[in-house]
Amino acid sequence: MRSSLLFRVLPLLAAATGASAETIETAAKQAIIVDYNTGSTLLEKNADELMTPSSMSKLMTVYLVFDALKSGRIKFTDTMPVSETAWKKHYKTDESLMFLPLNSNPTVEELLKGVIIQSGNDACSVLAEGLAGSEEAFAEQETKRAREIGLQHSTFRNASGVPAPDHKMTARDLSILATHLINDFPDYYPIFSEKTFTYNNIKQDNRNPLIWGEIAGADGLKTGHTEEAGYGEVGSVQRNGRRIILVLNGLGSIKQRAEESQKLAEWAFREFDDYHVYKAGEVLGDVPVADGKALTVQMVTTQQVDLTLQRIAHNDMKTSVTHLDDLKAPVKKGQEIGKAIISVPGRPDQTVSLVAASDVEALGFMGKLRRKLSGLIGG
């Protein structure tokens, strides 16, 4: 491949798709910030370290319930019985509870709000039994489904996140899970931003501090706390078309969790922005075609390319395009014939595949002869 004449400096694009030298410290033991639109990681600290996720792992329970609702397997109005097994697990504890009475029959909608808003461990157990027969079987389904959606290091032993051997997740897995919840279930996701829920005449506030107005644009997802793990948070914040996913764990207090969440969210929106590089189907040049009925074929992008980049290095990004030297007919539409290379100083180059915009049929013998004669006469 060789460089074509197309070489552009994009003056409004900044410097990186990952965490940069201009980073920020956090007191969290594990942390990650991801741009939802582009998937770029803005900050990470021990993001692949196995940790106790506490109630943040309830997000996997919510995912399976959302999935069952979306598929039509269950409905919001369906009821699930509160068994003695589920009730006895929690009723004498100081855990977060929905306060479900024994032998009652709450609806799926009530149970789901009990999990998301009230962080009810009892609601998790009832949903698990209702969907899988037992909480142990449900935990196995959670682990299996987690692998299928890209959570490569998460293992579940229960539906609520109460401490259990080998019940572990990573900050990165939690960010992937949060992204799936927002992307896969837009009709159900708004439940995460509901501030209160009353069941059995007991009104409880949403335990997620982000949604109470301290961070503009926050709309989810889940907090967690155990003595072993400390205080954690999976948060989502949306502003002006951008959304970030924030995961923190291992903090020392509710106050520190709130302060770190706000500090890191403001940093992510202040230091980074999303920038458009290419639109889908954008023509980035013509490539000569040997022995084809057409002399050239257009080279186009296969998809839109947007990057999350630091604002401070916005003059340093460049793009260049290369294409095949010896492209010969026949050429099929969609065949890769070139690459666009996005270069930022100090970062690995990012490569975008470029393909033929149309078919180019090969010339037959007579066609090749006529073209050769035409070239001789013209020459």
Protein backbone atom coordinates (compact mmCIF):
# COMPACT_ATOMS: atom_id res chain seq x y z
CA MET A 1 0.00 0.00 0.00
CA ARG A 2 1.11 3.55 -0.56
CA SER A 3 0.12 6.97 0.72
CA SER A 4 -2.36 8.81 -1.43
CA LEU A 5 -2.60 12.56 -1.78
CA LEU A 6 -5.24 12.65 0.94
CA PHE A 7 -3.63 13.75 4.20
CA ARG A 8 -5.62 15.94 6.51
CA VAL A 9 -4.89 17.75 9.73
CA LEU A 10 -8.03 17.94 11.83
CA PRO A 11 -7.57 21.08 13.91
CA LEU A 12 -10.47 20.44 16.27
CA LEU A 13 -9.46 16.93 17.26
CA ALA A 14 -7.62 16.29 20.44
CA ALA A 15 -5.16 13.79 21.68
CA ALA A 16 -6.19 10.34 22.71
CA THR A 17 -8.68 7.56 23.08
CA GLY A 18 -7.36 6.42 26.45
CA ALA A 19 -6.22 7.84 29.75
CA SER A 20 -3.47 10.38 29.20
CA ALA A 21 -0.54 11.88 31.03
CA GLU A 22 -2.98 14.65 32.04
CA THR A 23 -4.81 12.27 34.34
CA ILE A 24 -6.25 12.65 37.83
CA GLU A 25 -5.71 10.85 41.11
CA THR A 26 -8.49 8.98 42.89
CA ALA A 27 -8.75 7.54 46.37
CA ALA A 28 -10.73 4.57 45.03
CA LYS A 29 -8.92 1.22 45.10
CA GLN A 30 -10.50 0.26 41.77
CA ALA A 31 -11.84 2.73 39.22
CA ILE A 32 -12.70 3.18 35.57
CA ILE A 33 -14.35 5.93 33.51
CA VAL A 34 -15.65 5.06 30.04
CA ASP A 35 -17.20 7.27 27.39
CA TYR A 36 -20.48 5.57 26.49
CA ASN A 37 -20.68 6.91 22.93
CA THR A 38 -17.24 5.78 21.78
CA GLY A 39 -16.20 3.16 24.32
CA SER A 40 -13.00 5.09 25.07
CA THR A 41 -11.44 4.59 28.49
CA LEU A 42 -10.68 7.97 30.06
CA LEU A 43 -9.24 6.72 33.35
CA GLU A 44 -8.55 3.37 34.92
CA LYS A 45 -7.02 2.15 38.17
CA ASN A 46 -6.82 -1.57 38.90
CA ALA A 47 -9.79 -1.92 36.54
CA ASP A 48 -9.17 -5.65 35.98
CA GLU A 49 -8.54 -6.51 39.62
CA LEU A 50 -11.08 -8.94 41.08
CA MET A 51 -13.04 -7.25 43.85
CA THR A 52 -16.08 -7.73 46.04
CA PRO A 53 -18.81 -5.85 44.17
CA SER A 54 -21.41 -5.90 47.00
CA SER A 55 -24.77 -4.49 45.83
CA MET A 56 -23.31 -3.29 42.55
CA SER A 57 -23.61 -6.91 41.40
CA LYS A 58 -27.40 -6.49 41.63
CA LEU A 59 -27.04 -4.92 38.18
CA MET A 60 -26.59 -8.44 36.76
CA THR A 61 -29.82 -9.52 38.42
CA VAL A 62 -31.53 -6.49 36.90
CA TYR A 63 -30.05 -7.36 33.50
CA LEU A 64 -31.57 -10.86 33.56
CA VAL A 65 -34.96 -9.50 34.64
CA PHE A 66 -34.88 -6.79 31.93
CA ASP A 67 -33.93 -9.47 29.40
CA ALA A 68 -36.85 -11.69 30.46
CA LEU A 69 -39.23 -8.72 30.18
CA LYS A 70 -37.96 -7.72 26.75
CA SER A 71 -38.26 -11.26 25.40
CA GLY A 72 -41.84 -11.54 26.69
CA ARG A 73 -41.00 -14.39 29.04
CA ILE A 74 -42.42 -12.38 31.95
CA LYS A 75 -44.53 -9.23 32.34
CA PHE A 76 -44.48 -6.40 34.87
CA THR A 77 -47.86 -7.55 36.17
CA ASP A 78 -46.78 -11.15 36.83
CA THR A 79 -46.50 -12.09 40.49
CA MET A 80 -43.83 -14.10 42.28
CA PRO A 81 -44.32 -15.74 45.69
CA VAL A 82 -42.16 -14.90 48.69
CA SER A 83 -41.08 -18.37 49.77
CA GLU A 84 -39.97 -19.29 53.26
CA THR A 85 -36.50 -20.01 51.85
CA ALA A 86 -36.14 -16.52 50.40
CA TRP A 87 -37.72 -14.83 53.43
CA LYS A 88 -35.55 -16.62 56.01
CA LYS A 89 -32.35 -15.59 54.24
CA HIS A 90 -32.91 -11.94 55.04
CA TYR A 91 -35.65 -11.15 57.56
CA LYS A 92 -33.41 -11.11 60.69
CA THR A 93 -30.49 -9.33 59.08
CA ASP A 94 -29.49 -5.67 58.93
CA GLU A 95 -29.23 -5.88 55.15
CA SER A 96 -30.95 -3.58 52.66
CA LEU A 97 -34.49 -4.91 52.35
CA MET A 98 -37.75 -4.32 50.51
CA PHE A 99 -39.49 -5.81 53.60
CA LEU A 100 -41.46 -8.44 51.73
CA PRO A 101 -43.95 -10.32 53.93
CA LEU A 102 -43.73 -14.11 53.98
CA ASN A 103 -46.11 -15.78 51.50
CA SER A 104 -46.95 -12.46 49.82
CA ASN A 105 -47.11 -12.18 46.03
CA PRO A 106 -45.46 -8.97 44.80
CA THR A 107 -45.49 -8.14 41.10
CA VAL A 108 -42.37 -8.24 38.94
CA GLU A 109 -42.56 -4.45 38.65
CA GLU A 110 -42.63 -4.06 42.43
CA LEU A 111 -39.74 -6.48 42.88
CA LEU A 112 -37.69 -4.77 40.21
CA LYS A 113 -38.17 -1.37 41.84
CA GLY A 114 -37.38 -2.99 45.17
CA VAL A 115 -34.01 -4.05 43.75
CA ILE A 116 -33.12 -0.88 41.82
CA ILE A 117 -34.47 1.81 44.17
CA GLN A 118 -34.45 0.14 47.59
CA SER A 119 -31.53 -2.26 46.96
CA GLY A 120 -33.63 -5.02 48.53
CA ASN A 121 -31.75 -8.26 48.99
CA ASP A 122 -35.04 -10.05 49.67
CA ALA A 123 -36.41 -8.84 46.32
CA CYS A 124 -33.35 -10.29 44.57
CA SER A 125 -33.90 -13.70 46.12
CA VAL A 126 -37.58 -13.76 45.14
CA LEU A 127 -36.81 -12.78 41.56
CA ALA A 128 -34.05 -15.41 41.41
CA GLU A 129 -36.38 -18.16 42.59
CA GLY A 130 -39.13 -16.99 40.26
CA LEU A 131 -36.88 -17.05 37.20
CA ALA A 132 -34.62 -20.03 37.91
CA GLY A 133 -36.22 -22.08 40.69
CA SER A 134 -33.47 -21.35 43.19
CA GLU A 135 -31.01 -18.58 43.89
CA GLU A 136 -28.10 -20.93 43.28
CA ALA A 137 -29.39 -21.84 39.81
CA PHE A 138 -30.00 -18.16 39.07
CA ALA A 139 -26.42 -17.28 40.04
CA GLU A 140 -25.17 -19.89 37.57
CA GLN A 141 -27.33 -18.30 34.86
CA GLU A 142 -25.90 -14.89 35.77
CA THR A 143 -22.34 -16.11 35.35
CA LYS A 144 -23.15 -17.78 32.02
CA ARG A 145 -24.94 -14.71 30.65
CA ALA A 146 -22.17 -12.44 31.91
CA ARG A 147 -19.65 -14.28 29.75
CA GLU A 148 -21.94 -13.97 26.75
CA ILE A 149 -22.12 -10.17 27.00
CA GLY A 150 -18.40 -9.66 27.61
CA LEU A 151 -17.96 -9.81 31.38
CA GLN A 152 -14.95 -12.10 31.28
CA HIS A 153 -13.95 -12.01 34.94
CA SER A 154 -17.26 -11.94 36.84
CA THR A 155 -18.55 -14.86 38.90
CA PHE A 156 -21.83 -14.81 40.81
CA ARG A 157 -22.81 -16.87 43.83
CA ASN A 158 -26.08 -15.12 44.68
CA ALA A 159 -28.48 -12.55 43.25
CA SER A 160 -27.95 -9.75 45.77
CA GLY A 161 -24.22 -9.34 46.24
CA VAL A 162 -24.11 -10.37 49.91
CA PRO A 163 -20.55 -11.49 50.68
CA ALA A 164 -19.83 -15.01 49.42
CA PRO A 165 -16.66 -16.86 48.43
CA ASP A 166 -15.75 -16.28 44.79
CA HIS A 167 -18.56 -13.76 44.24
CA LYS A 168 -16.31 -11.34 42.37
CA MET A 169 -16.38 -8.76 39.59
CA THR A 170 -14.01 -6.17 38.14
CA ALA A 171 -14.55 -2.45 37.61
CA ARG A 172 -14.21 -2.95 33.86
CA ASP A 173 -16.86 -5.69 33.87
CA LEU A 174 -19.22 -3.40 35.78
CA SER A 175 -18.70 -0.65 33.19
CA ILE A 176 -19.52 -3.11 30.40
CA LEU A 177 -22.62 -4.26 32.26
CA ALA A 178 -23.80 -0.68 32.80
CA THR A 179 -23.32 0.03 29.10
CA HIS A 180 -25.45 -2.99 28.20
CA LEU A 181 -28.22 -1.97 30.59
CA ILE A 182 -28.42 1.49 29.02
CA ASN A 183 -28.04 0.35 25.43
CA ASP A 184 -30.08 -2.87 25.44
CA PHE A 185 -33.05 -1.76 27.55
CA PRO A 186 -33.91 1.90 26.87
CA ASP A 187 -37.55 1.31 27.85
CA TYR A 188 -36.65 0.02 31.31
CA TYR A 189 -33.52 2.01 32.12
CA PRO A 190 -35.42 5.12 33.42
CA ILE A 191 -36.35 3.13 36.56
CA PHE A 192 -32.79 3.80 37.75
CA SER A 193 -33.54 7.52 38.05
CA GLU A 194 -36.72 7.13 40.15
CA LYS A 195 -36.03 8.70 43.54
CA THR A 196 -38.46 6.90 45.84
CA PHE A 197 -40.54 3.73 46.05
CA THR A 198 -43.15 2.71 48.59
CA TYR A 199 -44.02 -0.92 49.29
CA ASN A 200 -45.89 -2.42 52.23
CA ASN A 201 -46.46 1.19 53.45
CA ILE A 202 -42.70 1.67 53.76
CA LYS A 203 -41.27 4.51 51.69
CA GLN A 204 -37.58 4.29 50.83
CA ASP A 205 -35.35 6.69 48.92
CA ASN A 206 -33.11 5.64 46.06
CA ARG A 207 -29.74 4.83 47.61
CA ASN A 208 -27.80 6.22 44.64
CA PRO A 209 -26.57 9.71 45.67
CA LEU A 210 -25.81 10.69 42.09
CA ILE A 211 -29.43 11.12 41.09
CA TRP A 212 -30.27 13.58 43.88
CA GLY A 213 -28.97 16.59 42.00
CA GLU A 214 -25.38 16.92 43.19
CA ILE A 215 -24.07 15.87 39.78
CA ALA A 216 -25.84 17.43 36.80
CA GLY A 217 -27.09 14.85 34.31
CA ALA A 218 -26.74 11.78 36.57
CA ASP A 219 -29.43 9.17 35.89
CA GLY A 220 -28.21 5.84 37.40
CA LEU A 221 -27.08 3.17 38.29
CA LYS A 222 -26.17 1.48 41.63
CA THR A 223 -24.18 1.86 44.83
CA GLY A 224 -22.65 -0.85 46.99
CA HIS A 225 -21.07 -1.32 50.39
CA THR A 226 -19.65 -4.10 52.53
CA GLU A 227 -17.07 -4.01 55.30
CA GLU A 228 -14.65 -5.96 53.12
CA ALA A 229 -15.07 -3.93 49.92
CA GLY A 230 -15.74 -0.44 51.25
CA TYR A 231 -18.05 1.94 49.41
CA GLY A 232 -18.61 1.64 45.67
CA GLU A 233 -20.60 3.24 42.87
CA VAL A 234 -21.59 2.49 39.30
CA GLY A 235 -22.77 5.79 37.88
CA SER A 236 -24.02 7.19 34.60
CA VAL A 237 -23.93 10.90 33.78
CA GLN A 238 -25.26 12.43 30.56
CA ARG A 239 -24.66 15.99 29.34
CA ASN A 240 -25.10 17.61 25.94
CA GLY A 241 -25.23 14.31 24.07
CA ARG A 242 -22.27 12.77 25.92
CA ARG A 243 -22.56 10.06 28.53
CA ILE A 244 -19.88 8.67 30.81
CA ILE A 245 -19.94 5.45 32.84
CA LEU A 246 -18.14 5.77 36.17
CA VAL A 247 -17.19 2.82 38.41
CA LEU A 248 -15.51 3.28 41.79
CA ASN A 249 -14.90 0.86 44.65
CA GLY A 250 -12.95 0.63 47.89
CA LEU A 251 -13.73 4.08 49.25
CA GLY A 252 -13.81 4.78 52.98
CA SER A 253 -17.18 6.44 53.50
CA ILE A 254 -20.41 7.60 51.90
CA LYS A 255 -19.03 11.14 51.92
CA GLN A 256 -15.82 10.14 50.17
CA ARG A 257 -17.78 8.17 47.56
CA ALA A 258 -19.93 11.20 46.79
CA GLU A 259 -16.93 13.53 46.60
CA GLU A 260 -14.90 11.21 44.36
CA SER A 261 -17.85 10.60 42.05
CA GLN A 262 -18.42 14.32 41.59
CA LYS A 263 -14.73 15.14 41.17
CA LEU A 264 -14.15 12.46 38.56
CA ALA A 265 -17.35 13.15 36.63
CA GLU A 266 -16.55 16.86 36.36
CA TRP A 267 -13.00 16.04 35.26
CA ALA A 268 -14.21 13.68 32.53
CA PHE A 269 -16.56 16.27 31.05
CA ARG A 270 -14.09 19.14 31.45
CA GLU A 271 -11.00 17.48 29.99
CA PHE A 272 -12.50 15.33 27.22
CA ASP A 273 -14.98 15.67 24.42
CA ASP A 274 -16.39 13.53 21.62
CA TYR A 275 -15.27 14.44 18.11
CA HIS A 276 -16.51 13.32 14.73
CA VAL A 277 -13.80 12.03 12.39
CA TYR A 278 -15.59 10.19 9.56
CA LYS A 279 -19.18 9.54 8.67
CA ALA A 280 -20.29 6.14 7.40
CA GLY A 281 -19.85 5.82 3.63
CA GLU A 282 -17.58 8.87 3.39
CA VAL A 283 -15.50 8.88 0.19
CA LEU A 284 -11.79 9.16 0.99
CA GLY A 285 -10.33 8.87 -2.51
CA ASP A 286 -10.31 7.00 -5.83
CA VAL A 287 -8.17 3.91 -6.36
CA PRO A 288 -6.89 2.92 -9.83
CA VAL A 289 -8.17 -0.46 -11.03
CA ALA A 290 -6.16 -2.48 -13.54
CA ASP A 291 -8.06 -4.32 -16.31
CA GLY A 292 -11.43 -3.07 -15.12
CA LYS A 293 -14.38 -1.67 -17.05
CA ALA A 294 -14.01 1.37 -14.78
CA LEU A 295 -10.56 2.92 -14.43
CA THR A 296 -11.02 3.71 -10.72
CA VAL A 297 -13.24 2.83 -7.78
CA GLN A 298 -14.20 5.02 -4.85
CA MET A 299 -12.79 4.13 -1.45
CA VAL A 300 -15.25 4.65 1.43
CA THR A 301 -15.53 4.16 5.19
CA THR A 302 -17.63 1.29 6.47
CA GLN A 303 -18.90 3.04 9.58
CA GLN A 304 -19.00 6.32 11.43
CA VAL A 305 -15.86 7.08 13.38
CA ASP A 306 -16.11 9.22 16.52
CA LEU A 307 -13.38 9.52 19.12
CA THR A 308 -13.24 10.78 22.68
CA LEU A 309 -10.19 12.98 22.86
CA GLN A 310 -8.51 15.37 25.25
CA ARG A 311 -9.12 18.98 24.39
CA ILE A 312 -5.63 20.22 25.29
CA ALA A 313 -3.93 18.45 22.36
CA HIS A 314 -6.53 19.28 19.73
CA ASN A 315 -3.99 20.54 17.16
CA ASP A 316 -1.87 17.38 17.14
CA MET A 317 -4.14 14.83 15.48
CA LYS A 318 -3.66 13.89 11.82
CA THR A 319 -5.23 11.41 9.46
CA SER A 320 -3.72 9.80 6.39
CA VAL A 321 -5.06 7.34 3.83
CA THR A 322 -3.31 4.45 2.08
CA HIS A 323 -4.60 2.16 -0.66
CA LEU A 324 -3.58 -0.94 -2.62
CA ASP A 325 -0.96 -0.35 -5.32
CA ASP A 326 -2.00 -3.29 -7.48
CA LEU A 327 -5.79 -3.42 -7.34
CA LYS A 328 -6.97 -5.53 -10.26
CA ALA A 329 -10.48 -6.24 -11.55
CA PRO A 330 -12.79 -7.80 -10.71
CA VAL A 331 -13.44 -5.74 -7.56
CA LYS A 332 -16.39 -6.50 -5.32
CA LYS A 333 -18.36 -3.85 -3.47
CA GLY A 334 -17.29 -3.94 0.19
CA GLN A 335 -13.85 -5.40 -0.61
CA GLU A 336 -11.14 -3.85 1.56
CA ILE A 337 -8.88 -1.74 -0.63
CA GLY A 338 -7.36 0.76 1.80
CA LYS A 339 -6.98 2.08 5.30
CA ALA A 340 -7.34 5.41 7.06
CA ILE A 341 -4.81 5.95 9.81
CA ILE A 342 -5.56 8.28 12.72
CA SER A 343 -2.35 9.44 14.38
CA VAL A 344 -1.90 11.19 17.72
CA PRO A 345 1.60 11.83 19.15
CA GLY A 346 2.40 9.41 21.95
CA ARG A 347 -0.52 7.08 21.16
CA PRO A 348 -0.86 3.95 19.05
CA ASP A 349 -2.22 4.70 15.59
CA GLN A 350 -5.87 3.82 15.05
CA THR A 351 -6.71 2.13 11.74
CA VAL A 352 -10.04 2.34 9.92
CA SER A 353 -10.84 -0.11 7.11
CA LEU A 354 -11.76 1.41 3.73
CA VAL A 355 -13.69 -0.56 1.12
CA ALA A 356 -14.74 -0.37 -2.50
CA ALA A 357 -17.97 1.59 -2.97
CA SER A 358 -19.06 -0.44 -6.01
CA ASP A 359 -18.31 -3.48 -8.14
CA VAL A 360 -15.82 -3.15 -10.97
CA GLU A 361 -16.12 -5.86 -13.62
CA ALA A 362 -13.05 -7.18 -15.39
CA LEU A 363 -12.48 -6.38 -19.06
CA GLY A 364 -12.64 -9.27 -21.51
CA PHE A 365 -9.93 -10.00 -24.07
CA MET A 366 -11.34 -7.60 -26.66
CA GLY A 367 -11.84 -4.91 -24.07
CA LYS A 368 -8.24 -5.16 -22.95
CA LEU A 369 -7.09 -5.06 -26.58
CA ARG A 370 -9.15 -1.98 -27.39
CA ARG A 371 -7.85 -0.18 -24.27
CA LYS A 372 -4.26 -1.07 -25.18
CA LEU A 373 -4.70 0.17 -28.73
CA SER A 374 -6.39 3.32 -27.46
CA GLY A 375 -3.46 3.94 -25.19
CA LEU A 376 -0.96 3.42 -28.01
CA ILE A 377 -2.83 5.79 -30.31
CA GLY A 378 -3.32 8.34 -27.58
CA GLY A 379 0.35 8.05 -26.57
